[in-house]
């Protein structure tokens, strides 16, 4: 058995001094965000999807603002991070997408949008 969580939108590390981390781990574990997921709004954010878990969102931004840092790690077989819209890695801040297994899907990906 796994766990599940849903939200309309999520920001990890919303303020400059803030940091946030979400770990989605294990088979049958799901994390669903209906619209936007911002990982590193003005601060630092990290999303780890591992060991067969699944995460999905409408859009994703890693490192939204100047000085911010957003990181997503996708690891292990059967792990999936599904983004219905676009992934922006380093909009004005710094972003990192690391894949050591599993899959990432999106409609498009942008690197270094304003940086």
PDB file of N, CA and C in Angstrom:
ATOM      1  N   UNK A   1       0.833  -1.183   0.000  1.00  0.00           N
ATOM      2  CA  UNK A   1       0.000   0.000   0.000  1.00  0.00           C
ATOM      3  C   UNK A   1       0.877   1.246   0.000  1.00  0.00           C
ATOM      4  N   UNK A   2       0.349   2.325  -0.535  1.00  0.00           N
ATOM      5  CA  UNK A   2       1.067   3.585  -0.593  1.00  0.00           C
ATOM      6  C   UNK A   2       0.236   4.693  -0.003  1.00  0.00           C
ATOM      7  N   UNK A   3       0.709   5.898  -0.206  1.00  0.00           N
ATOM      8  CA  UNK A   3       0.025   7.079   0.309  1.00  0.00           C
ATOM      9  C   UNK A   3      -0.269   8.016  -0.848  1.00  0.00           C
ATOM     10  N   UNK A   4      -1.107   9.001  -0.611  1.00  0.00           N
ATOM     11  CA  UNK A   4      -1.423   9.958  -1.647  1.00  0.00           C
ATOM     12  C   UNK A   4      -1.682  11.330  -1.074  1.00  0.00           C
ATOM     13  N   UNK A   5      -1.354  12.347  -1.853  1.00  0.00           N
ATOM     14  CA  UNK A   5      -1.621  13.733  -1.463  1.00  0.00           C
ATOM     15  C   UNK A   5      -1.954  14.524  -2.710  1.00  0.00           C
ATOM     16  N   UNK A   6      -2.868  15.490  -2.578  1.00  0.00           N
ATOM     17  CA  UNK A   6      -3.242  16.351  -3.695  1.00  0.00           C
ATOM     18  C   UNK A   6      -3.247  17.807  -3.242  1.00  0.00           C
ATOM     19  N   UNK A   7      -3.017  18.698  -4.197  1.00  0.00           N
ATOM     20  CA  UNK A   7      -3.065  20.139  -3.934  1.00  0.00           C
ATOM     21  C   UNK A   7      -3.390  20.853  -5.233  1.00  0.00           C
ATOM     22  N   UNK A   8      -3.899  22.075  -5.126  1.00  0.00           N
ATOM     23  CA  UNK A   8      -4.150  22.877  -6.320  1.00  0.00           C
ATOM     24  C   UNK A   8      -2.843  23.432  -6.868  1.00  0.00           C
ATOM     25  N   UNK A   9      -2.007  24.013  -6.004  1.00  0.00           N
ATOM     26  CA  UNK A   9      -0.690  24.517  -6.403  1.00  0.00           C
ATOM     27  C   UNK A   9       0.249  24.396  -5.203  1.00  0.00           C
ATOM     28  N   UNK A  10       1.558  24.353  -5.483  1.00  0.00           N
ATOM     29  CA  UNK A  10       2.556  24.180  -4.429  1.00  0.00           C
ATOM     30  C   UNK A  10       3.766  25.044  -4.738  1.00  0.00           C
ATOM     31  N   UNK A  11       4.309  25.721  -3.717  1.00  0.00           N
ATOM     32  CA  UNK A  11       5.591  26.417  -3.826  1.00  0.00           C
ATOM     33  C   UNK A  11       6.486  25.935  -2.694  1.00  0.00           C
ATOM     34  N   UNK A  12       7.642  25.398  -3.047  1.00  0.00           N
ATOM     35  CA  UNK A  12       8.643  24.964  -2.072  1.00  0.00           C
ATOM     36  C   UNK A  12       9.723  26.024  -2.026  1.00  0.00           C
ATOM     37  N   UNK A  13      10.002  26.563  -0.839  1.00  0.00           N
ATOM     38  CA  UNK A  13      10.969  27.657  -0.727  1.00  0.00           C
ATOM     39  C   UNK A  13      10.394  28.950  -1.274  1.00  0.00           C
ATOM     40  N   UNK A  14       9.243  29.335  -0.752  1.00  0.00           N
ATOM     41  CA  UNK A  14       8.532  30.510  -1.276  1.00  0.00           C
ATOM     42  C   UNK A  14       9.260  31.817  -0.999  1.00  0.00           C
ATOM     43  N   UNK A  15       9.797  31.990   0.218  1.00  0.00           N
ATOM     44  CA  UNK A  15      10.479  33.244   0.554  1.00  0.00           C
ATOM     45  C   UNK A  15      11.987  33.068   0.435  1.00  0.00           C
ATOM     46  N   UNK A  16      12.708  34.178   0.355  1.00  0.00           N
ATOM     47  CA  UNK A  16      14.164  34.147   0.148  1.00  0.00           C
ATOM     48  C   UNK A  16      14.880  33.367   1.235  1.00  0.00           C
ATOM     49  N   UNK A  17      14.383  33.412   2.447  1.00  0.00           N
ATOM     50  CA  UNK A  17      15.033  32.687   3.548  1.00  0.00           C
ATOM     51  C   UNK A  17      14.412  31.306   3.763  1.00  0.00           C
ATOM     52  N   UNK A  18      13.439  30.954   2.938  1.00  0.00           N
ATOM     53  CA  UNK A  18      12.726  29.700   3.128  1.00  0.00           C
ATOM     54  C   UNK A  18      13.303  28.549   2.337  1.00  0.00           C
ATOM     55  N   UNK A  19      13.019  27.350   2.818  1.00  0.00           N
ATOM     56  CA  UNK A  19      13.369  26.146   2.084  1.00  0.00           C
ATOM     57  C   UNK A  19      12.278  25.114   2.311  1.00  0.00           C
ATOM     58  N   UNK A  20      12.076  24.270   1.321  1.00  0.00           N
ATOM     59  CA  UNK A  20      11.064  23.235   1.434  1.00  0.00           C
ATOM     60  C   UNK A  20      11.459  22.018   0.647  1.00  0.00           C
ATOM     61  N   UNK A  21      11.071  20.851   1.148  1.00  0.00           N
ATOM     62  CA  UNK A  21      11.415  19.595   0.486  1.00  0.00           C
ATOM     63  C   UNK A  21      10.235  18.642   0.580  1.00  0.00           C
ATOM     64  N   UNK A  22       9.963  17.953  -0.527  1.00  0.00           N
ATOM     65  CA  UNK A  22       8.932  16.918  -0.560  1.00  0.00           C
ATOM     66  C   UNK A  22       9.579  15.638  -1.056  1.00  0.00           C
ATOM     67  N   UNK A  23       9.332  14.542  -0.338  1.00  0.00           N
ATOM     68  CA  UNK A  23       9.812  13.221  -0.722  1.00  0.00           C
ATOM     69  C   UNK A  23       8.607  12.343  -1.039  1.00  0.00           C
ATOM     70  N   UNK A  24       8.523  11.886  -2.277  1.00  0.00           N
ATOM     71  CA  UNK A  24       7.459  10.985  -2.715  1.00  0.00           C
ATOM     72  C   UNK A  24       8.147   9.653  -2.979  1.00  0.00           C
ATOM     73  N   UNK A  25       7.923   8.684  -2.098  1.00  0.00           N
ATOM     74  CA  UNK A  25       8.731   7.469  -2.111  1.00  0.00           C
ATOM     75  C   UNK A  25       7.879   6.215  -2.009  1.00  0.00           C
ATOM     76  N   UNK A  26       8.151   5.253  -2.867  1.00  0.00           N
ATOM     77  CA  UNK A  26       7.551   3.930  -2.769  1.00  0.00           C
ATOM     78  C   UNK A  26       6.429   3.688  -3.753  1.00  0.00           C
ATOM     79  N   UNK A  27       6.297   2.431  -4.135  1.00  0.00           N
ATOM     80  CA  UNK A  27       5.234   2.022  -5.054  1.00  0.00           C
ATOM     81  C   UNK A  27       3.874   2.400  -4.493  1.00  0.00           C
ATOM     82  N   UNK A  28       2.976   2.743  -5.384  1.00  0.00           N
ATOM     83  CA  UNK A  28       1.604   3.137  -5.035  1.00  0.00           C
ATOM     84  C   UNK A  28       1.524   4.423  -4.226  1.00  0.00           C
ATOM     85  N   UNK A  29       2.608   5.199  -4.209  1.00  0.00           N
ATOM     86  CA  UNK A  29       2.594   6.508  -3.560  1.00  0.00           C
ATOM     87  C   UNK A  29       2.453   7.564  -4.650  1.00  0.00           C
ATOM     88  N   UNK A  30       1.495   8.480  -4.464  1.00  0.00           N
ATOM     89  CA  UNK A  30       1.223   9.493  -5.485  1.00  0.00           C
ATOM     90  C   UNK A  30       1.124  10.867  -4.860  1.00  0.00           C
ATOM     91  N   UNK A  31       1.643  11.855  -5.605  1.00  0.00           N
ATOM     92  CA  UNK A  31       1.536  13.267  -5.224  1.00  0.00           C
ATOM     93  C   UNK A  31       1.039  13.998  -6.453  1.00  0.00           C
ATOM     94  N   UNK A  32      -0.120  14.640  -6.359  1.00  0.00           N
ATOM     95  CA  UNK A  32      -0.729  15.296  -7.509  1.00  0.00           C
ATOM     96  C   UNK A  32      -0.974  16.771  -7.215  1.00  0.00           C
ATOM     97  N   UNK A  33      -0.467  17.620  -8.110  1.00  0.00           N
ATOM     98  CA  UNK A  33      -0.680  19.059  -8.022  1.00  0.00           C
ATOM     99  C   UNK A  33      -1.425  19.470  -9.284  1.00  0.00           C
ATOM    100  N   UNK A  34      -2.594  20.066  -9.126  1.00  0.00           N
ATOM    101  CA  UNK A  34      -3.463  20.347 -10.263  1.00  0.00           C
ATOM    102  C   UNK A  34      -2.888  21.381 -11.231  1.00  0.00           C
ATOM    103  N   UNK A  35      -2.297  22.454 -10.715  1.00  0.00           N
ATOM    104  CA  UNK A  35      -1.846  23.521 -11.620  1.00  0.00           C
ATOM    105  C   UNK A  35      -0.325  23.656 -11.594  1.00  0.00           C
ATOM    106  N   UNK A  36       0.192  24.568 -10.814  1.00  0.00           N
ATOM    107  CA  UNK A  36       1.626  24.893 -10.853  1.00  0.00           C
ATOM    108  C   UNK A  36       2.377  24.356  -9.642  1.00  0.00           C
ATOM    109  N   UNK A  37       3.566  23.822  -9.909  1.00  0.00           N
ATOM    110  CA  UNK A  37       4.505  23.462  -8.854  1.00  0.00           C
ATOM    111  C   UNK A  37       5.750  24.315  -9.047  1.00  0.00           C
ATOM    112  N   UNK A  38       6.071  25.131  -8.042  1.00  0.00           N
ATOM    113  CA  UNK A  38       7.273  25.975  -8.076  1.00  0.00           C
ATOM    114  C   UNK A  38       8.235  25.412  -7.047  1.00  0.00           C
ATOM    115  N   UNK A  39       9.387  25.000  -7.521  1.00  0.00           N
ATOM    116  CA  UNK A  39      10.397  24.394  -6.659  1.00  0.00           C
ATOM    117  C   UNK A  39      11.553  25.384  -6.594  1.00  0.00           C
ATOM    118  N   UNK A  40      11.633  26.113  -5.480  1.00  0.00           N
ATOM    119  CA  UNK A  40      12.572  27.226  -5.361  1.00  0.00           C
ATOM    120  C   UNK A  40      11.941  28.499  -5.874  1.00  0.00           C
ATOM    121  N   UNK A  41      10.957  29.021  -5.126  1.00  0.00           N
ATOM    122  CA  UNK A  41      10.280  30.269  -5.512  1.00  0.00           C
ATOM    123  C   UNK A  41      11.228  31.442  -5.414  1.00  0.00           C
ATOM    124  N   UNK A  42      11.540  31.839  -4.191  1.00  0.00           N
ATOM    125  CA  UNK A  42      12.579  32.839  -3.927  1.00  0.00           C
ATOM    126  C   UNK A  42      13.693  32.222  -3.090  1.00  0.00           C
ATOM    127  N   UNK A  43      13.404  31.072  -2.462  1.00  0.00           N
ATOM    128  CA  UNK A  43      14.373  30.364  -1.628  1.00  0.00           C
ATOM    129  C   UNK A  43      14.816  29.074  -2.286  1.00  0.00           C
ATOM    130  N   UNK A  44      14.927  28.021  -1.474  1.00  0.00           N
ATOM    131  CA  UNK A  44      15.401  26.734  -1.961  1.00  0.00           C
ATOM    132  C   UNK A  44      14.308  25.689  -1.851  1.00  0.00           C
ATOM    133  N   UNK A  45      14.146  24.898  -2.903  1.00  0.00           N
ATOM    134  CA  UNK A  45      13.155  23.839  -2.905  1.00  0.00           C
ATOM    135  C   UNK A  45      13.704  22.576  -3.527  1.00  0.00           C
ATOM    136  N   UNK A  46      13.179  21.439  -3.060  1.00  0.00           N
ATOM    137  CA  UNK A  46      13.656  20.158  -3.560  1.00  0.00           C
ATOM    138  C   UNK A  46      12.503  19.154  -3.589  1.00  0.00           C
ATOM    139  N   UNK A  47      12.383  18.433  -4.696  1.00  0.00           N
ATOM    140  CA  UNK A  47      11.397  17.367  -4.852  1.00  0.00           C
ATOM    141  C   UNK A  47      12.141  16.093  -5.203  1.00  0.00           C
ATOM    142  N   UNK A  48      11.925  15.042  -4.422  1.00  0.00           N
ATOM    143  CA  UNK A  48      12.519  13.730  -4.678  1.00  0.00           C
ATOM    144  C   UNK A  48      11.398  12.740  -4.960  1.00  0.00           C
ATOM    145  N   UNK A  49      11.452  12.093  -6.125  1.00  0.00           N
ATOM    146  CA  UNK A  49      10.471  11.082  -6.502  1.00  0.00           C
ATOM    147  C   UNK A  49      11.257   9.789  -6.713  1.00  0.00           C
ATOM    148  N   UNK A  50      11.027   8.794  -5.855  1.00  0.00           N
ATOM    149  CA  UNK A  50      11.879   7.606  -5.861  1.00  0.00           C
ATOM    150  C   UNK A  50      11.107   6.316  -5.598  1.00  0.00           C
ATOM    151  N   UNK A  51      11.785   5.215  -5.890  1.00  0.00           N
ATOM    152  CA  UNK A  51      11.344   3.859  -5.551  1.00  0.00           C
ATOM    153  C   UNK A  51       9.945   3.526  -6.056  1.00  0.00           C
ATOM    154  N   UNK A  52       9.654   3.915  -7.312  1.00  0.00           N
ATOM    155  CA  UNK A  52       8.393   3.554  -7.934  1.00  0.00           C
ATOM    156  C   UNK A  52       7.232   4.490  -7.669  1.00  0.00           C
ATOM    157  N   UNK A  53       7.478   5.611  -7.023  1.00  0.00           N
ATOM    158  CA  UNK A  53       6.415   6.589  -6.746  1.00  0.00           C
ATOM    159  C   UNK A  53       6.065   7.365  -8.015  1.00  0.00           C
ATOM    160  N   UNK A  54       4.943   8.073  -7.967  1.00  0.00           N
ATOM    161  CA  UNK A  54       4.508   8.898  -9.086  1.00  0.00           C
ATOM    162  C   UNK A  54       4.117  10.283  -8.585  1.00  0.00           C
ATOM    163  N   UNK A  55       4.579  11.307  -9.308  1.00  0.00           N
ATOM    164  CA  UNK A  55       4.203  12.691  -9.018  1.00  0.00           C
ATOM    165  C   UNK A  55       3.723  13.319 -10.311  1.00  0.00           C
ATOM    166  N   UNK A  56       2.714  14.182 -10.215  1.00  0.00           N
ATOM    167  CA  UNK A  56       2.215  14.857 -11.415  1.00  0.00           C
ATOM    168  C   UNK A  56       1.832  16.290 -11.076  1.00  0.00           C
ATOM    169  N   UNK A  57       1.949  17.155 -12.095  1.00  0.00           N
ATOM    170  CA  UNK A  57       1.596  18.564 -11.934  1.00  0.00           C
ATOM    171  C   UNK A  57       1.215  19.151 -13.285  1.00  0.00           C
ATOM    172  N   UNK A  58       0.579  20.313 -13.241  1.00  0.00           N
ATOM    173  CA  UNK A  58       0.224  21.002 -14.483  1.00  0.00           C
ATOM    174  C   UNK A  58       1.447  21.593 -15.153  1.00  0.00           C
ATOM    175  N   UNK A  59       2.201  22.412 -14.421  1.00  0.00           N
ATOM    176  CA  UNK A  59       3.462  22.982 -14.893  1.00  0.00           C
ATOM    177  C   UNK A  59       4.474  22.906 -13.759  1.00  0.00           C
ATOM    178  N   UNK A  60       5.764  23.050 -14.097  1.00  0.00           N
ATOM    179  CA  UNK A  60       6.801  22.998 -13.069  1.00  0.00           C
ATOM    180  C   UNK A  60       7.878  24.025 -13.370  1.00  0.00           C
ATOM    181  N   UNK A  61       8.292  24.760 -12.340  1.00  0.00           N
ATOM    182  CA  UNK A  61       9.381  25.723 -12.444  1.00  0.00           C
ATOM    183  C   UNK A  61      10.403  25.410 -11.365  1.00  0.00           C
ATOM    184  N   UNK A  62      11.658  25.254 -11.762  1.00  0.00           N
ATOM    185  CA  UNK A  62      12.764  24.996 -10.841  1.00  0.00           C
ATOM    186  C   UNK A  62      13.643  26.236 -10.826  1.00  0.00           C
ATOM    187  N   UNK A  63      13.714  26.944  -9.679  1.00  0.00           N
ATOM    188  CA  UNK A  63      14.501  28.169  -9.590  1.00  0.00           C
ATOM    189  C   UNK A  63      13.799  29.334 -10.262  1.00  0.00           C
ATOM    190  N   UNK A  64      12.717  29.782  -9.643  1.00  0.00           N
ATOM    191  CA  UNK A  64      11.864  30.811 -10.264  1.00  0.00           C
ATOM    192  C   UNK A  64      12.478  32.214 -10.237  1.00  0.00           C
ATOM    193  N   UNK A  65      12.991  32.653  -9.091  1.00  0.00           N
ATOM    194  CA  UNK A  65      13.457  34.033  -8.921  1.00  0.00           C
ATOM    195  C   UNK A  65      14.969  34.101  -8.782  1.00  0.00           C
ATOM    196  N   UNK A  66      15.521  35.272  -9.037  1.00  0.00           N
ATOM    197  CA  UNK A  66      16.956  35.487  -8.865  1.00  0.00           C
ATOM    198  C   UNK A  66      17.382  35.083  -7.461  1.00  0.00           C
ATOM    199  N   UNK A  67      18.430  34.291  -7.349  1.00  0.00           N
ATOM    200  CA  UNK A  67      18.921  33.834  -6.057  1.00  0.00           C
ATOM    201  C   UNK A  67      18.263  32.572  -5.542  1.00  0.00           C
ATOM    202  N   UNK A  68      17.263  32.071  -6.234  1.00  0.00           N
ATOM    203  CA  UNK A  68      16.577  30.860  -5.797  1.00  0.00           C
ATOM    204  C   UNK A  68      17.246  29.614  -6.374  1.00  0.00           C
ATOM    205  N   UNK A  69      16.905  28.459  -5.781  1.00  0.00           N
ATOM    206  CA  UNK A  69      17.441  27.184  -6.255  1.00  0.00           C
ATOM    207  C   UNK A  69      16.352  26.130  -6.153  1.00  0.00           C
ATOM    208  N   UNK A  70      16.100  25.442  -7.262  1.00  0.00           N
ATOM    209  CA  UNK A  70      15.118  24.364  -7.275  1.00  0.00           C
ATOM    210  C   UNK A  70      15.715  23.101  -7.852  1.00  0.00           C
ATOM    211  N   UNK A  71      15.443  21.976  -7.203  1.00  0.00           N
ATOM    212  CA  UNK A  71      16.025  20.699  -7.628  1.00  0.00           C
ATOM    213  C   UNK A  71      14.968  19.603  -7.610  1.00  0.00           C
ATOM    214  N   UNK A  72      14.967  18.781  -8.663  1.00  0.00           N
ATOM    215  CA  UNK A  72      14.105  17.608  -8.722  1.00  0.00           C
ATOM    216  C   UNK A  72      14.984  16.400  -9.002  1.00  0.00           C
ATOM    217  N   UNK A  73      14.818  15.358  -8.195  1.00  0.00           N
ATOM    218  CA  UNK A  73      15.534  14.102  -8.368  1.00  0.00           C
ATOM    219  C   UNK A  73      14.524  12.991  -8.641  1.00  0.00           C
ATOM    220  N   UNK A  74      14.699  12.308  -9.769  1.00  0.00           N
ATOM    221  CA  UNK A  74      13.846  11.180 -10.137  1.00  0.00           C
ATOM    222  C   UNK A  74      14.754   9.957 -10.201  1.00  0.00           C
ATOM    223  N   UNK A  75      14.443   8.940  -9.394  1.00  0.00           N
ATOM    224  CA  UNK A  75      15.336   7.788  -9.319  1.00  0.00           C
ATOM    225  C   UNK A  75      14.556   6.482  -9.213  1.00  0.00           C
ATOM    226  N   UNK A  76      15.156   5.438  -9.700  1.00  0.00           N
ATOM    227  CA  UNK A  76      14.703   4.053  -9.604  1.00  0.00           C
ATOM    228  C   UNK A  76      13.663   3.713 -10.667  1.00  0.00           C
ATOM    229  N   UNK A  77      13.638   2.446 -11.035  1.00  0.00           N
ATOM    230  CA  UNK A  77      12.694   1.947 -12.029  1.00  0.00           C
ATOM    231  C   UNK A  77      11.260   2.201 -11.593  1.00  0.00           C
ATOM    232  N   UNK A  78      10.398   2.385 -12.572  1.00  0.00           N
ATOM    233  CA  UNK A  78       8.955   2.574 -12.377  1.00  0.00           C
ATOM    234  C   UNK A  78       8.593   3.888 -11.704  1.00  0.00           C
ATOM    235  N   UNK A  79       9.556   4.779 -11.501  1.00  0.00           N
ATOM    236  CA  UNK A  79       9.291   6.093 -10.922  1.00  0.00           C
ATOM    237  C   UNK A  79       8.906   7.041 -12.051  1.00  0.00           C
ATOM    238  N   UNK A  80       7.915   7.905 -11.813  1.00  0.00           N
ATOM    239  CA  UNK A  80       7.443   8.809 -12.862  1.00  0.00           C
ATOM    240  C   UNK A  80       7.166  10.191 -12.295  1.00  0.00           C
ATOM    241  N   UNK A  81       7.701  11.217 -12.974  1.00  0.00           N
ATOM    242  CA  UNK A  81       7.319  12.604 -12.723  1.00  0.00           C
ATOM    243  C   UNK A  81       6.670  13.082 -14.005  1.00  0.00           C
ATOM    244  N   UNK A  82       5.373  13.328 -13.970  1.00  0.00           N
ATOM    245  CA  UNK A  82       4.603  13.700 -15.142  1.00  0.00           C
ATOM    246  C   UNK A  82       4.168  15.157 -15.038  1.00  0.00           C
ATOM    247  N   UNK A  83       4.589  15.961 -16.003  1.00  0.00           N
ATOM    248  CA  UNK A  83       4.223  17.372 -16.058  1.00  0.00           C
ATOM    249  C   UNK A  83       3.368  17.564 -17.302  1.00  0.00           C
ATOM    250  N   UNK A  84       2.103  17.923 -17.108  1.00  0.00           N
ATOM    251  CA  UNK A  84       1.185  18.064 -18.239  1.00  0.00           C
ATOM    252  C   UNK A  84       1.607  19.187 -19.172  1.00  0.00           C
ATOM    253  N   UNK A  85       2.109  20.280 -18.611  1.00  0.00           N
ATOM    254  CA  UNK A  85       2.539  21.428 -19.411  1.00  0.00           C
ATOM    255  C   UNK A  85       4.047  21.472 -19.522  1.00  0.00           C
ATOM    256  N   UNK A  86       4.605  22.660 -19.302  1.00  0.00           N
ATOM    257  CA  UNK A  86       6.035  22.892 -19.488  1.00  0.00           C
ATOM    258  C   UNK A  86       6.818  22.757 -18.190  1.00  0.00           C
ATOM    259  N   UNK A  87       8.074  22.332 -18.332  1.00  0.00           N
ATOM    260  CA  UNK A  87       9.058  22.381 -17.250  1.00  0.00           C
ATOM    261  C   UNK A  87      10.022  23.510 -17.590  1.00  0.00           C
ATOM    262  N   UNK A  88      10.216  24.443 -16.655  1.00  0.00           N
ATOM    263  CA  UNK A  88      11.216  25.492 -16.808  1.00  0.00           C
ATOM    264  C   UNK A  88      12.294  25.258 -15.761  1.00  0.00           C
ATOM    265  N   UNK A  89      13.516  25.037 -16.214  1.00  0.00           N
ATOM    266  CA  UNK A  89      14.641  24.766 -15.321  1.00  0.00           C
ATOM    267  C   UNK A  89      15.536  25.993 -15.321  1.00  0.00           C
ATOM    268  N   UNK A  90      15.530  26.743 -14.218  1.00  0.00           N
ATOM    269  CA  UNK A  90      16.309  27.976 -14.130  1.00  0.00           C
ATOM    270  C   UNK A  90      15.611  29.138 -14.806  1.00  0.00           C
ATOM    271  N   UNK A  91      14.420  29.504 -14.299  1.00  0.00           N
ATOM    272  CA  UNK A  91      13.696  30.638 -14.896  1.00  0.00           C
ATOM    273  C   UNK A  91      14.500  31.925 -14.712  1.00  0.00           C
ATOM    274  N   UNK A  92      14.743  32.328 -13.467  1.00  0.00           N
ATOM    275  CA  UNK A  92      15.635  33.459 -13.185  1.00  0.00           C
ATOM    276  C   UNK A  92      16.670  33.045 -12.144  1.00  0.00           C
ATOM    277  N   UNK A  93      16.409  31.922 -11.487  1.00  0.00           N
ATOM    278  CA  UNK A  93      17.333  31.365 -10.509  1.00  0.00           C
ATOM    279  C   UNK A  93      18.044  30.163 -11.094  1.00  0.00           C
ATOM    280  N   UNK A  94      18.456  29.265 -10.214  1.00  0.00           N
ATOM    281  CA  UNK A  94      19.197  28.071 -10.636  1.00  0.00           C
ATOM    282  C   UNK A  94      18.314  26.844 -10.462  1.00  0.00           C
ATOM    283  N   UNK A  95      18.318  25.973 -11.456  1.00  0.00           N
ATOM    284  CA  UNK A  95      17.523  24.763 -11.390  1.00  0.00           C
ATOM    285  C   UNK A  95      18.317  23.546 -11.803  1.00  0.00           C
ATOM    286  N   UNK A  96      17.959  22.400 -11.234  1.00  0.00           N
ATOM    287  CA  UNK A  96      18.620  21.140 -11.554  1.00  0.00           C
ATOM    288  C   UNK A  96      17.579  20.037 -11.627  1.00  0.00           C
ATOM    289  N   UNK A  97      17.594  19.277 -12.722  1.00  0.00           N
ATOM    290  CA  UNK A  97      16.782  18.075 -12.865  1.00  0.00           C
ATOM    291  C   UNK A  97      17.742  16.906 -12.992  1.00  0.00           C
ATOM    292  N   UNK A  98      17.681  15.981 -12.033  1.00  0.00           N
ATOM    293  CA  UNK A  98      18.566  14.820 -12.015  1.00  0.00           C
ATOM    294  C   UNK A  98      17.737  13.556 -12.184  1.00  0.00           C
ATOM    295  N   UNK A  99      18.115  12.736 -13.167  1.00  0.00           N
ATOM    296  CA  UNK A  99      17.423  11.470 -13.403  1.00  0.00           C
ATOM    297  C   UNK A  99      18.425  10.329 -13.326  1.00  0.00           C
ATOM    298  N   UNK A 100      18.193   9.396 -12.423  1.00  0.00           N
ATOM    299  CA  UNK A 100      19.039   8.220 -12.325  1.00  0.00           C
ATOM    300  C   UNK A 100      18.187   6.953 -12.447  1.00  0.00           C
ATOM    301  N   UNK A 101      17.089   7.086 -13.128  1.00  0.00           N
ATOM    302  CA  UNK A 101      16.147   5.998 -13.348  1.00  0.00           C
ATOM    303  C   UNK A 101      14.757   6.576 -13.451  1.00  0.00           C
ATOM    304  N   UNK A 102      13.813   5.753 -13.846  1.00  0.00           N
ATOM    305  CA  UNK A 102      12.447   6.228 -13.981  1.00  0.00           C
ATOM    306  C   UNK A 102      12.268   7.083 -15.216  1.00  0.00           C
ATOM    307  N   UNK A 103      11.246   7.948 -15.200  1.00  0.00           N
ATOM    308  CA  UNK A 103      10.931   8.749 -16.381  1.00  0.00           C
ATOM    309  C   UNK A 103      10.375  10.111 -15.985  1.00  0.00           C
ATOM    310  N   UNK A 104      10.602  11.076 -16.873  1.00  0.00           N
ATOM    311  CA  UNK A 104      10.029  12.418 -16.758  1.00  0.00           C
ATOM    312  C   UNK A 104       9.340  12.708 -18.076  1.00  0.00           C
ATOM    313  N   UNK A 105       8.087  13.157 -18.013  1.00  0.00           N
ATOM    314  CA  UNK A 105       7.379  13.538 -19.228  1.00  0.00           C
ATOM    315  C   UNK A 105       6.880  14.972 -19.090  1.00  0.00           C
ATOM    316  N   UNK A 106       6.872  15.707 -20.205  1.00  0.00           N
ATOM    317  CA  UNK A 106       6.331  17.070 -20.229  1.00  0.00           C
ATOM    318  C   UNK A 106       6.000  17.437 -21.657  1.00  0.00           C
ATOM    319  N   UNK A 107       5.231  18.513 -21.824  1.00  0.00           N
ATOM    320  CA  UNK A 107       4.903  18.973 -23.164  1.00  0.00           C
ATOM    321  C   UNK A 107       6.081  19.749 -23.767  1.00  0.00           C
ATOM    322  N   UNK A 108       6.902  20.381 -22.911  1.00  0.00           N
ATOM    323  CA  UNK A 108       8.105  21.103 -23.366  1.00  0.00           C
ATOM    324  C   UNK A 108       9.008  21.368 -22.167  1.00  0.00           C
ATOM    325  N   UNK A 109      10.272  21.642 -22.468  1.00  0.00           N
ATOM    326  CA  UNK A 109      11.244  21.957 -21.414  1.00  0.00           C
ATOM    327  C   UNK A 109      12.056  23.164 -21.849  1.00  0.00           C
ATOM    328  N   UNK A 110      12.217  24.141 -20.934  1.00  0.00           N
ATOM    329  CA  UNK A 110      13.019  25.329 -21.184  1.00  0.00           C
ATOM    330  C   UNK A 110      14.150  25.373 -20.180  1.00  0.00           C
ATOM    331  N   UNK A 111      15.371  25.618 -20.649  1.00  0.00           N
ATOM    332  CA  UNK A 111      16.543  25.745 -19.779  1.00  0.00           C
ATOM    333  C   UNK A 111      17.005  27.194 -19.765  1.00  0.00           C
ATOM    334  N   UNK A 112      17.204  27.756 -18.570  1.00  0.00           N
ATOM    335  CA  UNK A 112      17.741  29.111 -18.458  1.00  0.00           C
ATOM    336  C   UNK A 112      16.886  30.161 -19.101  1.00  0.00           C
ATOM    337  N   UNK A 113      15.632  30.233 -18.724  1.00  0.00           N
ATOM    338  CA  UNK A 113      14.671  31.150 -19.331  1.00  0.00           C
ATOM    339  C   UNK A 113      15.089  32.610 -19.283  1.00  0.00           C
ATOM    340  N   UNK A 114      15.463  33.116 -18.076  1.00  0.00           N
ATOM    341  CA  UNK A 114      15.838  34.524 -17.924  1.00  0.00           C
ATOM    342  C   UNK A 114      17.234  34.686 -17.348  1.00  0.00           C
ATOM    343  N   UNK A 115      17.839  33.593 -16.948  1.00  0.00           N
ATOM    344  CA  UNK A 115      19.138  33.655 -16.255  1.00  0.00           C
ATOM    345  C   UNK A 115      20.260  34.072 -17.195  1.00  0.00           C
TER     346      UNK A 115
END
